[in-house]
Amino acid sequence: MHEEEIISVTPELIQEILAPRLVASKKGDNGIVLIVGGSGIYHGAPLLSTLAALRSGVDLVYIAVPKRMS
């Protein structure tokens, strides 16, 4: 057996991994995401994924869900 290394994800680790945003960046320079999912009555998971993408630092998120069924 081999030993596994445990890595704690901390704000400091994230700052080391991710490049800082440029002050002059425009919409879309820091990422564009398209989320496709859900159904005619269930839109929760795609909406949560949209919020997660925005919180992660993506500039622009498009969401595609089916039209609500009557």
Protein backbone atom coordinates (compact mmCIF):
# COMPACT_ATOMS: atom_id res chain seq x y z
CA MET A 1 0.00 0.00 0.00
CA HIS A 2 1.08 3.56 -0.55
CA GLU A 3 0.31 6.53 1.63
CA GLU A 4 -2.07 9.17 0.34
CA GLU A 5 -1.29 12.82 0.77
CA ILE A 6 -4.05 14.91 2.35
CA ILE A 7 -4.37 18.47 1.07
CA SER A 8 -6.51 21.04 2.84
CA VAL A 9 -8.19 23.54 0.54
CA THR A 10 -7.69 26.93 2.14
CA PRO A 11 -8.09 30.48 0.84
CA GLU A 12 -4.30 30.72 0.73
CA LEU A 13 -4.04 27.61 -1.47
CA ILE A 14 -6.68 28.99 -3.84
CA GLN A 15 -4.78 32.30 -4.12
CA GLU A 16 -1.61 30.37 -5.02
CA ILE A 17 -3.39 28.38 -7.74
CA LEU A 18 -5.55 31.07 -9.36
CA ALA A 19 -4.12 34.05 -11.17
CA PRO A 20 -5.43 37.40 -9.89
CA ARG A 21 -8.08 39.17 -11.95
CA LEU A 22 -6.90 42.03 -14.09
CA VAL A 23 -8.34 45.41 -13.13
CA ALA A 24 -9.05 46.18 -16.79
CA SER A 25 -10.81 42.85 -17.51
CA LYS A 26 -14.15 42.93 -19.31
CA LYS A 27 -17.20 40.71 -19.06
CA GLY A 28 -16.27 37.24 -20.25
CA ASP A 29 -12.50 37.61 -19.76
CA ASN A 30 -12.70 35.54 -16.56
CA GLY A 31 -14.85 32.78 -17.94
CA ILE A 32 -18.15 32.05 -19.65
CA VAL A 33 -20.28 29.05 -18.65
CA LEU A 34 -23.34 27.42 -20.22
CA ILE A 35 -25.42 25.26 -17.89
CA VAL A 36 -27.95 22.92 -19.51
CA GLY A 37 -30.26 20.87 -17.33
CA GLY A 38 -33.49 20.48 -15.48
CA SER A 39 -36.88 19.46 -16.77
CA GLY A 40 -40.27 21.03 -17.32
CA ILE A 41 -40.96 21.01 -13.58
CA TYR A 42 -37.51 20.81 -11.97
CA HIS A 43 -35.11 23.76 -12.35
CA GLY A 44 -33.37 23.68 -8.95
CA ALA A 45 -30.11 21.92 -9.82
CA PRO A 46 -29.31 24.14 -12.82
CA LEU A 47 -30.11 27.24 -10.77
CA LEU A 48 -27.79 26.13 -7.96
CA SER A 49 -25.09 25.35 -10.51
CA THR A 50 -25.51 28.86 -11.93
CA LEU A 51 -25.05 30.43 -8.51
CA ALA A 52 -21.99 28.25 -7.86
CA ALA A 53 -20.43 29.29 -11.16
CA LEU A 54 -20.96 32.97 -10.35
CA ARG A 55 -19.53 32.55 -6.85
CA SER A 56 -16.46 30.82 -8.29
CA GLY A 57 -15.58 33.96 -10.23
CA VAL A 58 -16.98 33.34 -13.68
CA ASP A 59 -18.09 36.58 -15.34
CA LEU A 60 -20.96 35.37 -17.46
CA VAL A 61 -23.30 32.39 -17.01
CA TYR A 62 -25.97 31.25 -19.45
CA ILE A 63 -28.60 28.78 -18.25
CA ALA A 64 -30.76 26.64 -20.54
CA VAL A 65 -33.74 24.85 -18.99
CA PRO A 66 -36.89 23.50 -20.65
CA LYS A 67 -39.97 25.69 -20.74
CA ARG A 68 -42.23 25.22 -17.75
CA MET A 69 -45.08 22.79 -18.35
CA SER A 70 -48.60 24.06 -17.56
